[in-house]
Amino acid sequence: MHKTDGQSHTSTKKLPPRNFRFSSGDVFIFGAIVLCCAIIIGGMFIHRRIHKGDARYVRITQDGKVILEMDLDEFSEPMEYRIDSERGHMIIFLSSEKVYIKESSCADKICMHEGDLTSPGDGAVCLPNRIVVQIVSGDSGEDHSSGKVDVISR
């Protein structure tokens, strides 16, 4: 049988319908995934609740030297902190809720694009001005020269 309309010579057999059924192994894997997700989400809520009362400090360093370290709760009103050096200037917005770099004289302004710094561990770095702005928590803001091992050590 020769076909001229471009059709192939495939058979017209009907394939059996596909029936998908959950096996006991599928149910076990699905349940394990749901349980892991629940544990992770629950742990996040517990961690957040435990550390909710920790003090947050803003630490600003220039050339490795701390030039400002304050508890964020001490800011009754928002303020701007200006840093002038031979490399340029920088204006940092400070409030009890957030910290961000408002203005910088550097060329790329990558530090300004970091956005709001609100949680411990958040930070912004301006390499041309050699300034680091970071949020730290707990008693780590009180004594930065104690020589204690930090989260990252080599």
C-alpha atoms as a PDB file:
ATOM      1  CA  MET A   1       0.000   0.000   0.000  1.00  0.00           C
ATOM      2  CA  HIS A   2       1.604   3.196  -1.183  1.00  0.00           C
ATOM      3  CA  LYS A   3       0.549   6.546   0.315  1.00  0.00           C
ATOM      4  CA  THR A   4       1.204   9.761  -1.542  1.00  0.00           C
ATOM      5  CA  ASP A   5      -0.218  12.294   0.872  1.00  0.00           C
ATOM      6  CA  GLY A   6       2.827  12.290   3.191  1.00  0.00           C
ATOM      7  CA  GLN A   7       1.409   9.943   5.806  1.00  0.00           C
ATOM      8  CA  SER A   8       3.654   7.364   7.329  1.00  0.00           C
ATOM      9  CA  HIS A   9       3.118   3.633   7.366  1.00  0.00           C
ATOM     10  CA  THR A  10       2.578   3.426  11.103  1.00  0.00           C
ATOM     11  CA  SER A  11       0.088   1.026  12.450  1.00  0.00           C
ATOM     12  CA  THR A  12      -3.217   2.240  13.737  1.00  0.00           C
ATOM     13  CA  LYS A  13      -3.150  -0.044  16.761  1.00  0.00           C
ATOM     14  CA  LYS A  14      -4.682   1.502  19.857  1.00  0.00           C
ATOM     15  CA  LEU A  15      -2.409   1.694  22.880  1.00  0.00           C
ATOM     16  CA  PRO A  16      -3.759   0.475  26.199  1.00  0.00           C
ATOM     17  CA  PRO A  17      -4.918   3.266  28.526  1.00  0.00           C
ATOM     18  CA  ARG A  18      -2.420   4.331  31.169  1.00  0.00           C
ATOM     19  CA  ASN A  19      -3.659   3.816  34.683  1.00  0.00           C
ATOM     20  CA  PHE A  20      -1.632   5.447  37.417  1.00  0.00           C
ATOM     21  CA  ARG A  21      -2.084   4.072  40.889  1.00  0.00           C
ATOM     22  CA  PHE A  22      -0.276   5.047  44.045  1.00  0.00           C
ATOM     23  CA  SER A  23       1.713   2.218  45.508  1.00  0.00           C
ATOM     24  CA  SER A  24       2.685   2.033  49.167  1.00  0.00           C
ATOM     25  CA  GLY A  25       6.197   3.262  48.292  1.00  0.00           C
ATOM     26  CA  ASP A  26       4.799   6.358  46.564  1.00  0.00           C
ATOM     27  CA  VAL A  27       2.686   7.198  49.610  1.00  0.00           C
ATOM     28  CA  PHE A  28       5.713   6.724  51.889  1.00  0.00           C
ATOM     29  CA  ILE A  29       7.919   9.062  49.824  1.00  0.00           C
ATOM     30  CA  PHE A  30       5.195  11.706  49.549  1.00  0.00           C
ATOM     31  CA  GLY A  31       4.588  11.537  53.314  1.00  0.00           C
ATOM     32  CA  ALA A  32       8.325  11.823  54.041  1.00  0.00           C
ATOM     33  CA  ILE A  33       8.594  14.950  51.863  1.00  0.00           C
ATOM     34  CA  VAL A  34       5.584  16.553  53.576  1.00  0.00           C
ATOM     35  CA  LEU A  35       6.993  15.685  57.015  1.00  0.00           C
ATOM     36  CA  CYS A  36      10.412  17.186  56.152  1.00  0.00           C
ATOM     37  CA  CYS A  37       8.792  20.391  54.918  1.00  0.00           C
ATOM     38  CA  ALA A  38       6.706  20.642  58.097  1.00  0.00           C
ATOM     39  CA  ILE A  39       9.794  20.164  60.285  1.00  0.00           C
ATOM     40  CA  ILE A  40      11.759  22.830  58.401  1.00  0.00           C
ATOM     41  CA  ILE A  41       8.929  25.370  58.522  1.00  0.00           C
ATOM     42  CA  GLY A  42       8.276  24.638  62.190  1.00  0.00           C
ATOM     43  CA  GLY A  43      11.966  25.054  62.974  1.00  0.00           C
ATOM     44  CA  MET A  44      12.005  28.416  61.231  1.00  0.00           C
ATOM     45  CA  PHE A  45       9.069  29.654  63.319  1.00  0.00           C
ATOM     46  CA  ILE A  46      10.634  28.384  66.553  1.00  0.00           C
ATOM     47  CA  HIS A  47      13.996  29.973  65.696  1.00  0.00           C
ATOM     48  CA  ARG A  48      12.353  33.282  64.863  1.00  0.00           C
ATOM     49  CA  ARG A  49      10.342  33.253  68.103  1.00  0.00           C
ATOM     50  CA  ILE A  50      13.400  32.435  70.239  1.00  0.00           C
ATOM     51  CA  HIS A  51      15.578  35.132  68.677  1.00  0.00           C
ATOM     52  CA  LYS A  52      12.875  37.785  68.389  1.00  0.00           C
ATOM     53  CA  GLY A  53      14.051  39.636  71.479  1.00  0.00           C
ATOM     54  CA  ASP A  54      17.752  39.686  70.556  1.00  0.00           C
ATOM     55  CA  ALA A  55      19.255  43.117  70.217  1.00  0.00           C
ATOM     56  CA  ARG A  56      20.303  44.171  66.715  1.00  0.00           C
ATOM     57  CA  TYR A  57      23.329  46.377  66.237  1.00  0.00           C
ATOM     58  CA  VAL A  58      24.534  48.284  63.215  1.00  0.00           C
ATOM     59  CA  ARG A  59      28.303  48.123  62.788  1.00  0.00           C
ATOM     60  CA  ILE A  60      30.065  50.400  60.316  1.00  0.00           C
ATOM     61  CA  THR A  61      33.742  49.825  59.651  1.00  0.00           C
ATOM     62  CA  GLN A  62      36.174  51.766  57.485  1.00  0.00           C
ATOM     63  CA  ASP A  63      39.546  50.262  56.606  1.00  0.00           C
ATOM     64  CA  GLY A  64      38.842  47.496  59.155  1.00  0.00           C
ATOM     65  CA  LYS A  65      38.283  49.924  62.061  1.00  0.00           C
ATOM     66  CA  VAL A  66      34.878  50.261  63.696  1.00  0.00           C
ATOM     67  CA  ILE A  67      33.684  53.859  63.309  1.00  0.00           C
ATOM     68  CA  LEU A  68      30.102  53.358  64.531  1.00  0.00           C
ATOM     69  CA  GLU A  69      28.377  50.629  66.498  1.00  0.00           C
ATOM     70  CA  MET A  70      24.899  51.255  67.859  1.00  0.00           C
ATOM     71  CA  ASP A  71      21.850  49.313  68.978  1.00  0.00           C
ATOM     72  CA  LEU A  72      19.105  49.822  66.391  1.00  0.00           C
ATOM     73  CA  ASP A  73      16.544  50.200  69.187  1.00  0.00           C
ATOM     74  CA  GLU A  74      18.341  53.397  70.312  1.00  0.00           C
ATOM     75  CA  PHE A  75      17.205  55.264  67.192  1.00  0.00           C
ATOM     76  CA  SER A  76      14.063  57.086  68.323  1.00  0.00           C
ATOM     77  CA  GLU A  77      14.098  59.015  65.043  1.00  0.00           C
ATOM     78  CA  PRO A  78      15.700  58.073  61.728  1.00  0.00           C
ATOM     79  CA  MET A  79      19.008  59.763  61.003  1.00  0.00           C
ATOM     80  CA  GLU A  80      21.617  59.978  58.283  1.00  0.00           C
ATOM     81  CA  TYR A  81      25.257  59.236  59.030  1.00  0.00           C
ATOM     82  CA  ARG A  82      27.799  60.833  56.690  1.00  0.00           C
ATOM     83  CA  ILE A  83      31.294  59.456  56.177  1.00  0.00           C
ATOM     84  CA  ASP A  84      33.897  61.592  54.396  1.00  0.00           C
ATOM     85  CA  SER A  85      37.333  60.317  53.456  1.00  0.00           C
ATOM     86  CA  GLU A  86      40.031  60.926  50.850  1.00  0.00           C
ATOM     87  CA  ARG A  87      38.390  58.210  48.689  1.00  0.00           C
ATOM     88  CA  GLY A  88      34.948  59.828  48.679  1.00  0.00           C
ATOM     89  CA  HIS A  89      31.831  60.145  50.768  1.00  0.00           C
ATOM     90  CA  MET A  90      28.905  57.995  51.800  1.00  0.00           C
ATOM     91  CA  ILE A  91      25.553  58.723  53.456  1.00  0.00           C
ATOM     92  CA  ILE A  92      23.966  55.888  55.445  1.00  0.00           C
ATOM     93  CA  PHE A  93      20.315  55.968  56.554  1.00  0.00           C
ATOM     94  CA  LEU A  94      19.819  54.566  60.062  1.00  0.00           C
ATOM     95  CA  SER A  95      16.523  53.827  61.822  1.00  0.00           C
ATOM     96  CA  SER A  96      15.173  51.308  64.311  1.00  0.00           C
ATOM     97  CA  GLU A  97      13.663  49.194  61.493  1.00  0.00           C
ATOM     98  CA  LYS A  98      16.274  49.310  58.737  1.00  0.00           C
ATOM     99  CA  VAL A  99      19.639  50.554  57.532  1.00  0.00           C
ATOM    100  CA  TYR A 100      20.560  51.322  53.949  1.00  0.00           C
ATOM    101  CA  ILE A 101      23.150  53.228  51.956  1.00  0.00           C
ATOM    102  CA  LYS A 102      21.442  56.345  50.658  1.00  0.00           C
ATOM    103  CA  GLU A 103      24.309  57.900  48.718  1.00  0.00           C
ATOM    104  CA  SER A 104      27.820  56.918  47.725  1.00  0.00           C
ATOM    105  CA  SER A 105      30.487  58.595  45.627  1.00  0.00           C
ATOM    106  CA  CYS A 106      31.730  55.302  44.165  1.00  0.00           C
ATOM    107  CA  ALA A 107      31.345  54.691  40.441  1.00  0.00           C
ATOM    108  CA  ASP A 108      29.272  51.492  40.345  1.00  0.00           C
ATOM    109  CA  LYS A 109      27.046  52.149  43.405  1.00  0.00           C
ATOM    110  CA  ILE A 110      26.711  48.411  44.047  1.00  0.00           C
ATOM    111  CA  CYS A 111      26.521  49.129  47.777  1.00  0.00           C
ATOM    112  CA  MET A 112      23.381  51.232  47.240  1.00  0.00           C
ATOM    113  CA  HIS A 113      21.669  48.379  45.369  1.00  0.00           C
ATOM    114  CA  GLU A 114      21.934  46.047  48.390  1.00  0.00           C
ATOM    115  CA  GLY A 115      18.658  47.514  49.643  1.00  0.00           C
ATOM    116  CA  ASP A 116      17.387  47.512  53.211  1.00  0.00           C
ATOM    117  CA  LEU A 117      19.490  45.819  55.860  1.00  0.00           C
ATOM    118  CA  THR A 118      17.065  44.586  58.528  1.00  0.00           C
ATOM    119  CA  SER A 119      18.155  41.179  59.859  1.00  0.00           C
ATOM    120  CA  PRO A 120      21.335  40.034  61.569  1.00  0.00           C
ATOM    121  CA  GLY A 121      23.753  38.874  58.910  1.00  0.00           C
ATOM    122  CA  ASP A 122      22.652  41.471  56.354  1.00  0.00           C
ATOM    123  CA  GLY A 123      25.428  43.679  55.075  1.00  0.00           C
ATOM    124  CA  ALA A 124      26.622  46.028  52.364  1.00  0.00           C
ATOM    125  CA  VAL A 125      30.186  46.647  51.253  1.00  0.00           C
ATOM    126  CA  CYS A 126      31.598  49.606  49.335  1.00  0.00           C
ATOM    127  CA  LEU A 127      35.020  48.544  48.099  1.00  0.00           C
ATOM    128  CA  PRO A 128      36.137  51.888  46.626  1.00  0.00           C
ATOM    129  CA  ASN A 129      35.388  53.670  49.932  1.00  0.00           C
ATOM    130  CA  ARG A 130      36.501  50.637  51.998  1.00  0.00           C
ATOM    131  CA  ILE A 131      33.355  50.756  54.126  1.00  0.00           C
ATOM    132  CA  VAL A 132      31.377  47.789  55.484  1.00  0.00           C
ATOM    133  CA  VAL A 133      27.885  48.222  56.943  1.00  0.00           C
ATOM    134  CA  GLN A 134      26.421  45.188  58.693  1.00  0.00           C
ATOM    135  CA  ILE A 135      23.690  44.182  61.105  1.00  0.00           C
ATOM    136  CA  VAL A 136      24.840  41.968  63.977  1.00  0.00           C
ATOM    137  CA  SER A 137      22.749  40.451  66.756  1.00  0.00           C
ATOM    138  CA  GLY A 138      22.900  39.603  70.414  1.00  0.00           C
ATOM    139  CA  ASP A 139      25.891  40.539  72.498  1.00  0.00           C
ATOM    140  CA  SER A 140      28.176  40.492  69.449  1.00  0.00           C
ATOM    141  CA  GLY A 141      27.641  44.229  69.131  1.00  0.00           C
ATOM    142  CA  GLU A 142      28.911  44.992  72.636  1.00  0.00           C
ATOM    143  CA  ASP A 143      32.455  43.678  72.420  1.00  0.00           C
ATOM    144  CA  HIS A 144      33.908  43.141  68.983  1.00  0.00           C
ATOM    145  CA  SER A 145      37.501  42.787  70.168  1.00  0.00           C
ATOM    146  CA  SER A 146      37.063  39.877  72.591  1.00  0.00           C
ATOM    147  CA  GLY A 147      38.814  37.397  70.294  1.00  0.00           C
ATOM    148  CA  LYS A 148      35.934  34.940  70.338  1.00  0.00           C
ATOM    149  CA  VAL A 149      35.530  32.591  67.410  1.00  0.00           C
ATOM    150  CA  ASP A 150      32.964  33.908  64.959  1.00  0.00           C
ATOM    151  CA  VAL A 151      30.585  31.911  62.762  1.00  0.00           C
ATOM    152  CA  ILE A 152      33.270  31.608  60.101  1.00  0.00           C
ATOM    153  CA  SER A 153      36.815  30.790  61.133  1.00  0.00           C
ATOM    154  CA  ARG A 154      39.829  29.567  59.232  1.00  0.00           C
END
